[in-house]
PDB file of N, CA and C in Angstrom:
ATOM      1  N   MET A   1      92.096  80.766  67.105  1.00  0.00           N
ATOM      2  CA  MET A   1      93.453  81.202  67.374  1.00  0.00           C
ATOM      3  C   MET A   1      94.379  79.982  67.284  1.00  0.00           C
ATOM      4  N   SER A   2      95.554  80.220  66.775  1.00  0.00           N
ATOM      5  CA  SER A   2      96.499  79.126  66.658  1.00  0.00           C
ATOM      6  C   SER A   2      97.146  78.798  68.031  1.00  0.00           C
ATOM      7  N   THR A   3      97.821  77.694  68.139  1.00  0.00           N
ATOM      8  CA  THR A   3      98.412  77.292  69.425  1.00  0.00           C
ATOM      9  C   THR A   3      99.585  78.323  69.757  1.00  0.00           C
ATOM     10  N   SER A   4     100.312  78.702  68.831  1.00  0.00           N
ATOM     11  CA  SER A   4     101.444  79.578  69.089  1.00  0.00           C
ATOM     12  C   SER A   4     100.968  80.957  69.556  1.00  0.00           C
ATOM     13  N   ALA A   5      99.755  81.428  69.014  1.00  0.00           N
ATOM     14  CA  ALA A   5      99.214  82.671  69.448  1.00  0.00           C
ATOM     15  C   ALA A   5      98.733  82.588  70.933  1.00  0.00           C
ATOM     16  N   ILE A   6      98.156  81.440  71.343  1.00  0.00           N
ATOM     17  CA  ILE A   6      97.728  81.252  72.658  1.00  0.00           C
ATOM     18  C   ILE A   6      98.863  81.207  73.583  1.00  0.00           C
ATOM     19  N   ILE A   7      99.988  80.565  73.206  1.00  0.00           N
ATOM     20  CA  ILE A   7     101.146  80.477  74.080  1.00  0.00           C
ATOM     21  C   ILE A   7     101.756  81.839  74.172  1.00  0.00           C
ATOM     22  N   PHE A   8     101.841  82.616  73.102  1.00  0.00           N
ATOM     23  CA  PHE A   8     102.367  83.935  73.174  1.00  0.00           C
ATOM     24  C   PHE A   8     101.543  84.885  74.078  1.00  0.00           C
ATOM     25  N   MET A   9     100.207  84.827  73.972  1.00  0.00           N
ATOM     26  CA  MET A   9      99.312  85.574  74.850  1.00  0.00           C
ATOM     27  C   MET A   9      99.452  85.204  76.240  1.00  0.00           C
ATOM     28  N   ALA A  10      99.527  83.904  76.577  1.00  0.00           N
ATOM     29  CA  ALA A  10      99.709  83.481  78.009  1.00  0.00           C
ATOM     30  C   ALA A  10     101.063  83.960  78.521  1.00  0.00           C
ATOM     31  N   GLY A  11     102.159  83.866  77.753  1.00  0.00           N
ATOM     32  CA  GLY A  11     103.410  84.278  78.128  1.00  0.00           C
ATOM     33  C   GLY A  11     103.459  85.882  78.386  1.00  0.00           C
ATOM     34  N   SER A  12     102.744  86.559  77.466  1.00  0.00           N
ATOM     35  CA  SER A  12     102.694  88.039  77.721  1.00  0.00           C
ATOM     36  C   SER A  12     101.997  88.376  79.000  1.00  0.00           C
ATOM     37  N   TRP A  13     100.880  87.822  79.268  1.00  0.00           N
ATOM     38  CA  TRP A  13     100.034  88.091  80.388  1.00  0.00           C
ATOM     39  C   TRP A  13     100.801  87.737  81.686  1.00  0.00           C
ATOM     40  N   THR A  14     101.507  86.562  81.604  1.00  0.00           N
ATOM     41  CA  THR A  14     102.291  86.141  82.727  1.00  0.00           C
ATOM     42  C   THR A  14     103.445  87.228  83.109  1.00  0.00           C
ATOM     43  N   PHE A  15     104.047  87.702  81.977  1.00  0.00           N
ATOM     44  CA  PHE A  15     105.121  88.716  82.183  1.00  0.00           C
ATOM     45  C   PHE A  15     104.468  89.965  82.808  1.00  0.00           C
ATOM     46  N   VAL A  16     103.431  90.491  82.230  1.00  0.00           N
ATOM     47  CA  VAL A  16     102.791  91.696  82.652  1.00  0.00           C
ATOM     48  C   VAL A  16     102.321  91.609  84.124  1.00  0.00           C
ATOM     49  N   LEU A  17     101.599  90.506  84.410  1.00  0.00           N
ATOM     50  CA  LEU A  17     101.172  90.350  85.847  1.00  0.00           C
ATOM     51  C   LEU A  17     102.289  90.164  86.778  1.00  0.00           C
ATOM     52  N   GLY A  18     103.289  89.411  86.398  1.00  0.00           N
ATOM     53  CA  GLY A  18     104.459  89.263  87.212  1.00  0.00           C
ATOM     54  C   GLY A  18     105.192  90.556  87.490  1.00  0.00           C
ATOM     55  N   LEU A  19     105.303  91.375  86.471  1.00  0.00           N
ATOM     56  CA  LEU A  19     105.928  92.652  86.667  1.00  0.00           C
ATOM     57  C   LEU A  19     105.137  93.600  87.593  1.00  0.00           C
ATOM     58  N   THR A  20     103.824  93.512  87.448  1.00  0.00           N
ATOM     59  CA  THR A  20     102.956  94.334  88.317  1.00  0.00           C
ATOM     60  C   THR A  20     103.036  93.869  89.730  1.00  0.00           C
ATOM     61  N   PHE A  21     102.958  92.587  89.988  1.00  0.00           N
ATOM     62  CA  PHE A  21     103.045  92.161  91.357  1.00  0.00           C
ATOM     63  C   PHE A  21     104.458  92.378  92.000  1.00  0.00           C
ATOM     64  N   TRP A  22     105.463  92.256  91.132  1.00  0.00           N
ATOM     65  CA  TRP A  22     106.829  92.555  91.629  1.00  0.00           C
ATOM     66  C   TRP A  22     106.937  93.991  92.049  1.00  0.00           C
ATOM     67  N   SER A  23     106.390  94.910  91.173  1.00  0.00           N
ATOM     68  CA  SER A  23     106.449  96.381  91.449  1.00  0.00           C
ATOM     69  C   SER A  23     105.722  96.649  92.750  1.00  0.00           C
ATOM     70  N   PHE A  24     104.537  96.221  92.964  1.00  0.00           N
ATOM     71  CA  PHE A  24     103.785  96.419  94.134  1.00  0.00           C
ATOM     72  C   PHE A  24     104.540  95.904  95.387  1.00  0.00           C
ATOM     73  N   HIS A  25     105.083  94.773  95.241  1.00  0.00           N
ATOM     74  CA  HIS A  25     105.774  94.108  96.408  1.00  0.00           C
ATOM     75  C   HIS A  25     106.959  94.952  96.757  1.00  0.00           C
ATOM     76  N   ARG A  26     107.664  95.472  95.732  1.00  0.00           N
ATOM     77  CA  ARG A  26     108.847  96.301  96.032  1.00  0.00           C
ATOM     78  C   ARG A  26     108.459  97.569  96.728  1.00  0.00           C
ATOM     79  N   LEU A  27     107.319  98.254  96.249  1.00  0.00           N
ATOM     80  CA  LEU A  27     106.904  99.469  96.784  1.00  0.00           C
ATOM     81  C   LEU A  27     106.399  99.297  98.254  1.00  0.00           C
ATOM     82  N   LEU A  28     105.674  98.194  98.482  1.00  0.00           N
ATOM     83  CA  LEU A  28     105.062  98.010  99.843  1.00  0.00           C
ATOM     84  C   LEU A  28     106.037  97.483 100.852  1.00  0.00           C
ATOM     85  N   LYS A  29     107.071  96.795 100.438  1.00  0.00           N
ATOM     86  CA  LYS A  29     108.043  96.267 101.442  1.00  0.00           C
ATOM     87  C   LYS A  29     108.949  97.314 101.930  1.00  0.00           C
ATOM     88  N   ASP A  30     109.122  98.465 101.308  1.00  0.00           N
ATOM     89  CA  ASP A  30     110.036  99.498 101.782  1.00  0.00           C
ATOM     90  C   ASP A  30     109.431 100.248 102.974  1.00  0.00           C
ATOM     91  N   LYS A  31     108.142 100.128 103.178  1.00  0.00           N
ATOM     92  CA  LYS A  31     107.463 100.907 104.241  1.00  0.00           C
ATOM     93  C   LYS A  31     107.524 100.126 105.615  1.00  0.00           C
ATOM     94  N   GLU A  32     108.037 100.701 106.589  1.00  0.00           N
ATOM     95  CA  GLU A  32     108.029 100.128 107.919  1.00  0.00           C
ATOM     96  C   GLU A  32     106.798 100.610 108.598  1.00  0.00           C
ATOM     97  N   HIS A  33     106.219  99.745 109.543  1.00  0.00           N
ATOM     98  CA  HIS A  33     104.970 100.117 110.158  1.00  0.00           C
ATOM     99  C   HIS A  33     105.218 101.287 111.166  1.00  0.00           C
ATOM    100  N   PHE A  34     104.319 102.270 111.081  1.00  0.00           N
ATOM    101  CA  PHE A  34     104.348 103.370 111.976  1.00  0.00           C
ATOM    102  C   PHE A  34     102.942 103.778 112.378  1.00  0.00           C
ATOM    103  N   ASP A  35     102.697 103.906 113.619  1.00  0.00           N
ATOM    104  CA  ASP A  35     101.361 104.191 114.122  1.00  0.00           C
ATOM    105  C   ASP A  35     101.409 105.603 114.720  1.00  0.00           C
ATOM    106  N   PRO A  36     100.965 106.639 114.002  1.00  0.00           N
ATOM    107  CA  PRO A  36     101.156 108.024 114.474  1.00  0.00           C
ATOM    108  C   PRO A  36     100.209 108.419 115.583  1.00  0.00           C
ATOM    109  N   ASP A  37      99.309 107.583 116.065  1.00  0.00           N
ATOM    110  CA  ASP A  37      98.299 107.965 117.115  1.00  0.00           C
ATOM    111  C   ASP A  37      98.934 107.841 118.505  1.00  0.00           C
ATOM    112  N   GLY A  38     100.154 107.430 118.642  1.00  0.00           N
ATOM    113  CA  GLY A  38     100.872 107.369 119.903  1.00  0.00           C
ATOM    114  C   GLY A  38     100.833 106.025 120.513  1.00  0.00           C
ATOM    115  N   ILE A  39     100.071 105.126 120.045  1.00  0.00           N
ATOM    116  CA  ILE A  39     100.006 103.786 120.686  1.00  0.00           C
ATOM    117  C   ILE A  39     101.107 102.880 120.135  1.00  0.00           C
ATOM    118  N   GLY A  40     101.503 103.066 118.897  1.00  0.00           N
ATOM    119  CA  GLY A  40     102.463 102.156 118.223  1.00  0.00           C
ATOM    120  C   GLY A  40     103.956 102.497 118.537  1.00  0.00           C
ATOM    121  N   PRO A  41     104.789 102.292 117.595  1.00  0.00           N
ATOM    122  CA  PRO A  41     106.260 102.543 117.900  1.00  0.00           C
ATOM    123  C   PRO A  41     106.561 103.962 118.214  1.00  0.00           C
ATOM    124  N   LYS A  42     107.626 104.138 119.053  1.00  0.00           N
ATOM    125  CA  LYS A  42     107.981 105.502 119.438  1.00  0.00           C
ATOM    126  C   LYS A  42     108.913 106.256 118.425  1.00  0.00           C
ATOM    127  N   ALA A  43     109.395 105.467 117.480  1.00  0.00           N
ATOM    128  CA  ALA A  43     110.321 106.095 116.478  1.00  0.00           C
ATOM    129  C   ALA A  43     109.603 106.162 115.111  1.00  0.00           C
ATOM    130  N   PRO A  44     109.824 107.207 114.311  1.00  0.00           N
ATOM    131  CA  PRO A  44     109.293 107.202 112.989  1.00  0.00           C
ATOM    132  C   PRO A  44     109.890 106.066 112.145  1.00  0.00           C
ATOM    133  N   PRO A  45     109.233 105.757 110.978  1.00  0.00           N
ATOM    134  CA  PRO A  45     109.756 104.720 110.135  1.00  0.00           C
ATOM    135  C   PRO A  45     111.077 105.018 109.520  1.00  0.00           C
ATOM    136  N   LYS A  46     111.890 104.053 109.243  1.00  0.00           N
ATOM    137  CA  LYS A  46     113.167 104.172 108.537  1.00  0.00           C
ATOM    138  C   LYS A  46     112.848 104.366 107.050  1.00  0.00           C
ATOM    139  N   LYS A  47     113.700 105.079 106.352  1.00  0.00           N
ATOM    140  CA  LYS A  47     113.514 105.328 104.953  1.00  0.00           C
ATOM    141  C   LYS A  47     113.835 104.023 104.169  1.00  0.00           C
ATOM    142  N   GLY A  48     113.076 103.670 103.178  1.00  0.00           N
ATOM    143  CA  GLY A  48     113.365 102.475 102.379  1.00  0.00           C
ATOM    144  C   GLY A  48     114.544 102.654 101.481  1.00  0.00           C
ATOM    145  N   GLU A  49     115.027 101.609 100.909  1.00  0.00           N
ATOM    146  CA  GLU A  49     116.206 101.753 100.038  1.00  0.00           C
ATOM    147  C   GLU A  49     115.996 102.454  98.828  1.00  0.00           C
ATOM    148  N   THR A  50     114.637 102.639  98.394  1.00  0.00           N
ATOM    149  CA  THR A  50     114.377 103.428  97.183  1.00  0.00           C
ATOM    150  C   THR A  50     114.046 104.883  97.387  1.00  0.00           C
ATOM    151  N   GLU A  51     113.910 105.239  98.674  1.00  0.00           N
ATOM    152  CA  GLU A  51     113.661 106.636  99.033  1.00  0.00           C
ATOM    153  C   GLU A  51     114.968 107.463  99.227  1.00  0.00           C
ATOM    154  N   GLN A  52     114.887 108.709  98.904  1.00  0.00           N
ATOM    155  CA  GLN A  52     116.020 109.631  99.039  1.00  0.00           C
ATOM    156  C   GLN A  52     116.218 110.111 100.422  1.00  0.00           C
TER     157      GLN A  52
END
């Protein structure tokens, strides 16, 4: 493989993995902790900014 092909492949994988981690981070940060067994918080979770 040529040097430019290796650089392109590394850049592509960096972009794909970065987008994946960013998406999971965005999905998981919207959830507030809620413990439905009665020991945790007394109020239900707030809706995230991406939820309707």
